[in-house]
Amino acid sequence: MPRQTPVAELRIVVADDHPVVLAGVKALIESSGDMIVVGEAGDGVTAARLATDLKPDVLVLDVSMPGLGGTKVAERLREAAPRTRILVHTVHEDVGYLRQMLELGVNGYILKRSSGDQLVRAIRFVAEGGVYIDPLIAGKLLGGPSQKQDIENRPGVELSERENEVLKLTAAGYSHKEIATQLNVSVKSVETYKARGMEKLGFQTRVELVRYASSKGWLDGS
């Protein structure tokens, strides 16, 4: 009988200055079955050092950290650990924080009031190379009414049923593998439907897609 190759665990560093939150996130991650916490930090300086030294797959990072704020940690790690994906885990729902962190190159932004399942999904998604934006705050990227109208009004754009399904799930933060399983198609097909849909809409980034999804109500109740 051939020996099965073990699935590689995602290596995670968690940074939060609240011990209860830190312990809860660690327990959640390690109960997922495919992730392991390799480092814990209660302040920004330690978070930056651990991420630099350990080079984890993902750093789950709080914004408001003593010693060194989350924005400064993100700035440092773009140089010190460019392969580490950064998922911001925060109470801040102000779109200003979201835009600032996205400009710094973080790979995801999830609110602490979101479910544990969403957090695990977000970690997997950014680890696979995606950009995760919590549906609870994604709509705020739309800006004012005129900007929303520009996003909504795309005459002549007709998405196929599959393109529509794939883009909706992508905007909600599902990975290509998860979408393929839900729709019973191959990962390659998911990538093709996504690429076609994005091209039709004239989008280059997932941030644009999330803004569009919010304008269409795709993320309501997610």
Foldseek 3Di string as FASTA:
>chain_A
DDDDDDQAAFEEEEEAQDVVVQVVLQVLQVVPPRYHYPYYYNALVRLLVCCLVVLTLEYAAEQDGPPAGPLRSLLSCCPRRVNYAYEYEYQDLPVVVVVSVVVSPHQEYHYNPDDSVVVNLQSVLVSVPHRYYALVRLQVLQPDPVSLVVLQDDPPQDADPLLVQLLLVVLNRHHLVVSCVVVVHDSVVSVVSPVVNCVSSVHDHSSSSNNSCSSVVSSPPD
